[in-house]
């Protein structure tokens, strides 16, 4: 079966890495989740977000607090503002990316993008029950890894739209409920997301806690936005431990990540167990064949 092609401004993509089931007590939202079409997309870009200034970074308020660097629950880490001026943004990985690159070279994003362009990392997205890509009270969103396949690239080096891909039946699917679209921007609430990464010649799945998506959809039905949430430093280290040339660097990278955790405060240990992170995400319409 193929998902329907995005054919107008009110057609479009799915969000890579999770399925949105809908709940909601309001009648309009419930009705919205019983009608509409299913659309698909493929992720064309996945990149670690960086600081835009000392106080500004893309991301989300993951813990519901605006931390000034003095509170225990954030382990003394100060929050940022996002480019739109929203306060309380948790993204402690952003200032660390340049530091990690000092150890491994300026290759992190290039390796990740290379895996996407080569078809070694295929992240498929599906949105269900879409009635309107401008405003929709409830849509269902699914994300899953696809079978490896080298995609066609445009002259700009980006994966071309409307290609056909197949989901990997052995891969995890991630689900979130009650996503909504407002003024052309889709945003989800928190959910647990399994996101595949392929970097340093290794592939592993990173589980993002309390993950959120926020992305816009343009007139060509391309999506652009961010994915944020909390990650476990140990899971990152475990995932890349067999990476090419990383053996001697892992202790330093682990120390750097552990020293900057800011989420999931553990009263028994007096430490935060998760590191807040944000990824830049882009995608284009696609077909999914089952």
Protein backbone atom coordinates (compact mmCIF):
# COMPACT_ATOMS: atom_id res chain seq x y z
CA UNK A 1 0.00 0.00 0.00
CA UNK A 2 1.18 3.52 -0.69
CA UNK A 3 0.37 6.57 1.32
CA UNK A 4 -1.31 9.35 -0.58
CA UNK A 5 0.88 11.83 -2.46
CA UNK A 6 1.07 15.39 -1.18
CA UNK A 7 -0.71 17.25 -3.95
CA UNK A 8 -1.61 20.68 -2.58
CA UNK A 9 -0.81 23.03 0.25
CA UNK A 10 -3.15 20.97 2.37
CA UNK A 11 -1.27 17.79 1.60
CA UNK A 12 2.05 16.88 3.09
CA UNK A 13 4.60 15.20 5.13
CA UNK A 14 4.79 13.03 8.08
CA UNK A 15 7.15 13.55 10.91
CA UNK A 16 10.14 11.29 11.09
CA UNK A 17 10.27 9.02 14.10
CA UNK A 18 6.87 8.61 15.66
CA UNK A 19 3.12 8.04 15.25
CA UNK A 20 0.69 10.47 16.71
CA UNK A 21 -2.36 8.96 18.23
CA UNK A 22 -5.02 11.45 19.20
CA UNK A 23 -7.03 11.86 22.30
CA UNK A 24 -8.42 15.09 23.59
CA UNK A 25 -11.71 15.76 25.27
CA UNK A 26 -12.97 18.51 23.00
CA UNK A 27 -15.41 17.42 20.31
CA UNK A 28 -13.68 19.33 17.47
CA UNK A 29 -10.34 17.68 18.26
CA UNK A 30 -11.93 14.24 18.47
CA UNK A 31 -13.65 14.75 15.14
CA UNK A 32 -10.39 15.94 13.61
CA UNK A 33 -8.73 12.64 14.54
CA UNK A 34 -11.38 10.60 12.75
CA UNK A 35 -11.18 12.35 9.39
CA UNK A 36 -8.52 13.50 6.98
CA UNK A 37 -5.78 11.84 4.97
CA UNK A 38 -2.42 10.17 5.62
CA UNK A 39 0.73 11.70 4.18
CA UNK A 40 4.39 10.74 4.24
CA UNK A 41 7.84 12.33 4.18
CA UNK A 42 11.50 11.50 4.43
CA UNK A 43 14.00 13.33 6.59
CA UNK A 44 16.54 15.18 4.47
CA UNK A 45 18.50 16.82 7.27
CA UNK A 46 19.31 15.98 10.87
CA UNK A 47 21.85 18.24 12.55
CA UNK A 48 22.79 19.16 16.10
CA UNK A 49 21.55 22.67 16.85
CA UNK A 50 24.16 25.20 17.96
CA UNK A 51 24.12 28.35 20.02
CA UNK A 52 23.06 31.45 18.11
CA UNK A 53 24.55 33.66 20.83
CA UNK A 54 25.57 33.22 24.46
CA UNK A 55 21.92 33.41 25.54
CA UNK A 56 19.98 32.24 22.46
CA UNK A 57 19.56 28.66 21.24
CA UNK A 58 16.88 26.71 19.38
CA UNK A 59 14.91 24.33 21.55
CA UNK A 60 12.05 23.75 23.96
CA UNK A 61 11.14 24.33 27.58
CA UNK A 62 11.37 20.67 28.53
CA UNK A 63 10.99 20.96 32.31
CA UNK A 64 8.43 23.75 32.61
CA UNK A 65 10.86 26.04 34.45
CA UNK A 66 12.95 29.05 33.55
CA UNK A 67 16.27 28.40 35.25
CA UNK A 68 18.72 31.18 36.07
CA UNK A 69 21.56 28.81 36.90
CA UNK A 70 20.93 28.65 40.64
CA UNK A 71 18.21 26.01 41.02
CA UNK A 72 18.98 22.47 42.11
CA UNK A 73 16.48 20.74 39.82
CA UNK A 74 18.38 21.97 36.75
CA UNK A 75 21.73 21.15 38.37
CA UNK A 76 22.83 24.77 38.15
CA UNK A 77 22.40 25.09 34.39
CA UNK A 78 21.01 28.34 32.99
CA UNK A 79 18.27 28.20 30.37
CA UNK A 80 18.34 29.95 27.01
CA UNK A 81 15.82 31.90 24.96
CA UNK A 82 14.92 30.71 21.49
CA UNK A 83 15.15 32.97 18.40
CA UNK A 84 11.46 33.90 18.81
CA UNK A 85 12.05 35.07 22.38
CA UNK A 86 10.51 32.12 24.23
CA UNK A 87 12.20 31.70 27.61
CA UNK A 88 13.13 28.57 29.54
CA UNK A 89 14.75 26.77 26.61
CA UNK A 90 16.62 23.64 27.66
CA UNK A 91 19.43 22.83 25.22
CA UNK A 92 22.65 22.19 27.08
CA UNK A 93 24.06 20.15 24.21
CA UNK A 94 24.22 23.23 21.97
CA UNK A 95 27.30 24.81 23.61
CA UNK A 96 28.96 21.38 23.84
CA UNK A 97 28.90 20.55 20.12
CA UNK A 98 31.89 22.79 19.29
CA UNK A 99 33.75 21.32 22.27
CA UNK A 100 33.13 17.76 21.11
CA UNK A 101 34.25 18.75 17.62
CA UNK A 102 37.59 19.78 19.09
CA UNK A 103 38.10 16.11 19.94
CA UNK A 104 36.74 14.52 16.76
CA UNK A 105 37.13 17.27 14.18
CA UNK A 106 34.43 19.26 12.38
CA UNK A 107 32.83 16.09 11.10
CA UNK A 108 29.79 15.34 13.24
CA UNK A 109 27.15 16.95 11.05
CA UNK A 110 28.89 15.96 7.84
CA UNK A 111 28.97 12.30 8.84
CA UNK A 112 25.31 12.35 9.82
CA UNK A 113 24.28 14.13 6.62
CA UNK A 114 26.38 11.76 4.56
CA UNK A 115 24.51 8.80 6.05
CA UNK A 116 21.20 10.40 5.08
CA UNK A 117 22.27 11.25 1.54
CA UNK A 118 23.80 7.80 0.99
CA UNK A 119 20.63 6.06 2.13
CA UNK A 120 22.28 4.42 5.13
CA UNK A 121 20.00 6.40 7.45
CA UNK A 122 16.42 6.49 6.18
CA UNK A 123 14.02 8.20 8.58
CA UNK A 124 10.42 8.01 7.42
CA UNK A 125 7.50 10.04 8.67
CA UNK A 126 3.75 9.64 8.46
CA UNK A 127 1.00 12.01 9.48
CA UNK A 128 -2.50 10.63 9.79
CA UNK A 129 -5.92 12.29 9.90
CA UNK A 130 -4.70 15.51 8.34
CA UNK A 131 -7.62 17.77 7.42
CA UNK A 132 -5.80 21.07 7.03
CA UNK A 133 -2.10 21.93 6.97
CA UNK A 134 -2.83 25.45 8.15
CA UNK A 135 -4.83 24.63 11.28
CA UNK A 136 -5.74 21.16 12.52
CA UNK A 137 -6.72 20.34 16.10
CA UNK A 138 -5.47 16.76 16.05
CA UNK A 139 -3.23 14.77 13.74
CA UNK A 140 -1.58 11.37 14.13
CA UNK A 141 2.16 11.28 13.61
CA UNK A 142 4.44 8.22 13.12
CA UNK A 143 8.21 7.90 12.74
CA UNK A 144 10.16 4.83 11.73
CA UNK A 145 13.45 3.84 10.17
CA UNK A 146 13.22 2.77 6.55
CA UNK A 147 14.98 0.05 4.60
CA UNK A 148 18.34 1.33 3.41
CA UNK A 149 18.12 2.76 -0.08
CA UNK A 150 20.25 5.31 -1.91
CA UNK A 151 17.92 8.22 -2.78
CA UNK A 152 18.09 10.52 -5.75
CA UNK A 153 19.59 13.90 -4.91
CA UNK A 154 18.77 17.19 -6.55
CA UNK A 155 21.32 19.63 -7.94
CA UNK A 156 21.35 21.23 -4.49
CA UNK A 157 22.53 17.98 -2.93
CA UNK A 158 19.25 17.43 -1.08
CA UNK A 159 17.04 14.33 -1.36
CA UNK A 160 14.38 14.90 -4.01
CA UNK A 161 10.71 14.79 -3.08
CA UNK A 162 8.16 12.10 -3.95
CA UNK A 163 10.46 9.09 -3.93
CA UNK A 164 9.24 5.72 -2.62
CA UNK A 165 10.65 4.07 0.50
CA UNK A 166 9.80 1.07 2.65
CA UNK A 167 9.73 0.96 6.48
CA UNK A 168 12.09 -1.47 8.19
CA UNK A 169 9.78 -4.01 9.90
CA UNK A 170 12.44 -4.72 12.53
CA UNK A 171 12.84 -1.08 13.54
CA UNK A 172 11.15 0.65 16.47
CA UNK A 173 8.23 2.96 15.83
CA UNK A 174 7.68 5.93 18.12
CA UNK A 175 4.28 7.39 18.92
CA UNK A 176 2.90 10.62 20.30
CA UNK A 177 -0.69 11.79 20.75
CA UNK A 178 -2.51 15.08 20.32
CA UNK A 179 -0.18 16.83 17.91
CA UNK A 180 -1.76 19.91 16.38
CA UNK A 181 -1.12 22.37 13.59
CA UNK A 182 -1.51 26.09 14.22
CA UNK A 183 -0.78 28.70 11.56
CA UNK A 184 1.14 26.18 9.51
CA UNK A 185 3.33 24.97 12.38
CA UNK A 186 3.01 21.44 13.73
CA UNK A 187 3.91 20.91 17.37
CA UNK A 188 3.73 17.81 19.52
CA UNK A 189 3.61 17.28 23.24
CA UNK A 190 6.18 15.16 25.07
CA UNK A 191 6.71 11.53 24.11
CA UNK A 192 9.50 8.95 24.06
CA UNK A 193 11.21 8.89 20.68
CA UNK A 194 13.59 6.30 19.28
CA UNK A 195 15.80 8.10 16.80
CA UNK A 196 18.39 6.27 14.69
CA UNK A 197 21.83 7.79 14.28
CA UNK A 198 24.65 6.72 11.98
CA UNK A 199 27.96 8.39 12.76
CA UNK A 200 31.64 7.45 13.15
CA UNK A 201 31.01 4.23 11.21
CA UNK A 202 28.51 2.96 13.77
CA UNK A 203 24.72 2.96 13.84
CA UNK A 204 22.66 3.00 17.01
CA UNK A 205 19.29 4.09 18.35
CA UNK A 206 19.11 7.04 20.71
CA UNK A 207 16.05 7.22 22.96
CA UNK A 208 14.97 10.82 23.44
CA UNK A 209 12.95 11.39 26.61
CA UNK A 210 10.03 13.86 26.67
CA UNK A 211 10.70 14.59 23.01
CA UNK A 212 8.97 17.45 21.19
CA UNK A 213 8.70 18.34 17.53
CA UNK A 214 8.01 21.80 16.17
CA UNK A 215 8.21 22.38 12.43
CA UNK A 216 6.69 24.55 9.74
CA UNK A 217 5.41 23.43 6.35
CA UNK A 218 6.07 25.69 3.38
CA UNK A 219 4.17 26.08 0.11
CA UNK A 220 6.18 23.27 -1.48
CA UNK A 221 5.22 21.02 1.45
CA UNK A 222 8.75 20.90 2.82
CA UNK A 223 9.14 20.77 6.58
CA UNK A 224 11.70 22.64 8.62
CA UNK A 225 12.02 22.84 12.37
CA UNK A 226 13.39 21.23 15.49
CA UNK A 227 13.32 18.10 17.59
CA UNK A 228 14.20 18.43 21.27
CA UNK A 229 14.28 16.31 24.40
CA UNK A 230 16.47 14.73 27.04
CA UNK A 231 19.15 12.14 26.25
CA UNK A 232 21.20 9.86 28.47
CA UNK A 233 24.96 10.49 28.14
CA UNK A 234 25.69 6.82 28.81
CA UNK A 235 23.50 5.80 25.87
CA UNK A 236 25.43 8.14 23.58
CA UNK A 237 28.78 6.81 24.78
CA UNK A 238 27.61 3.21 24.47
CA UNK A 239 26.36 3.88 20.96
CA UNK A 240 29.60 5.36 19.63
CA UNK A 241 32.11 3.33 21.68
CA UNK A 242 33.11 1.24 18.66
CA UNK A 243 33.36 4.26 16.40
CA UNK A 244 36.43 4.72 14.26
CA UNK A 245 39.19 6.54 16.18
CA UNK A 246 37.10 7.26 19.28
CA UNK A 247 38.51 4.79 21.80
CA UNK A 248 40.98 7.22 23.41
CA UNK A 249 38.54 10.13 23.30
CA UNK A 250 35.52 8.53 24.97
CA UNK A 251 36.54 9.31 28.58
CA UNK A 252 36.89 13.02 27.78
CA UNK A 253 33.61 13.15 25.87
CA UNK A 254 31.79 11.30 28.65
CA UNK A 255 33.17 13.71 31.26
CA UNK A 256 32.00 16.67 29.18
CA UNK A 257 28.47 15.29 28.72
CA UNK A 258 28.06 14.20 32.35
CA UNK A 259 29.16 17.61 33.63
CA UNK A 260 26.39 19.38 31.70
CA UNK A 261 23.28 17.32 32.43
CA UNK A 262 20.28 19.45 33.40
CA UNK A 263 17.15 17.24 33.38
CA UNK A 264 15.66 14.39 35.46
CA UNK A 265 17.17 15.37 38.80
CA UNK A 266 17.82 12.34 41.02
CA UNK A 267 17.39 13.15 44.72
CA UNK A 268 19.36 10.08 45.77
CA UNK A 269 22.47 10.99 43.79
CA UNK A 270 22.01 14.75 43.68
CA UNK A 271 22.67 14.68 39.95
CA UNK A 272 20.68 15.25 36.77
CA UNK A 273 20.50 12.12 34.65
CA UNK A 274 19.62 13.60 31.25
CA UNK A 275 21.18 16.16 28.95
CA UNK A 276 18.84 18.48 27.07
CA UNK A 277 19.40 18.52 23.32
CA UNK A 278 17.90 19.90 20.12
CA UNK A 279 18.31 18.79 16.52
CA UNK A 280 17.57 20.73 13.35
CA UNK A 281 15.21 18.67 11.19
CA UNK A 282 14.12 19.05 7.58
CA UNK A 283 12.11 16.81 5.27
CA UNK A 284 10.32 16.52 1.93
CA UNK A 285 7.19 14.67 0.77
CA UNK A 286 7.60 10.98 -0.04
CA UNK A 287 5.70 7.74 -0.61
CA UNK A 288 5.81 4.84 1.84
CA UNK A 289 5.19 1.37 0.44
CA UNK A 290 4.17 -1.55 2.66
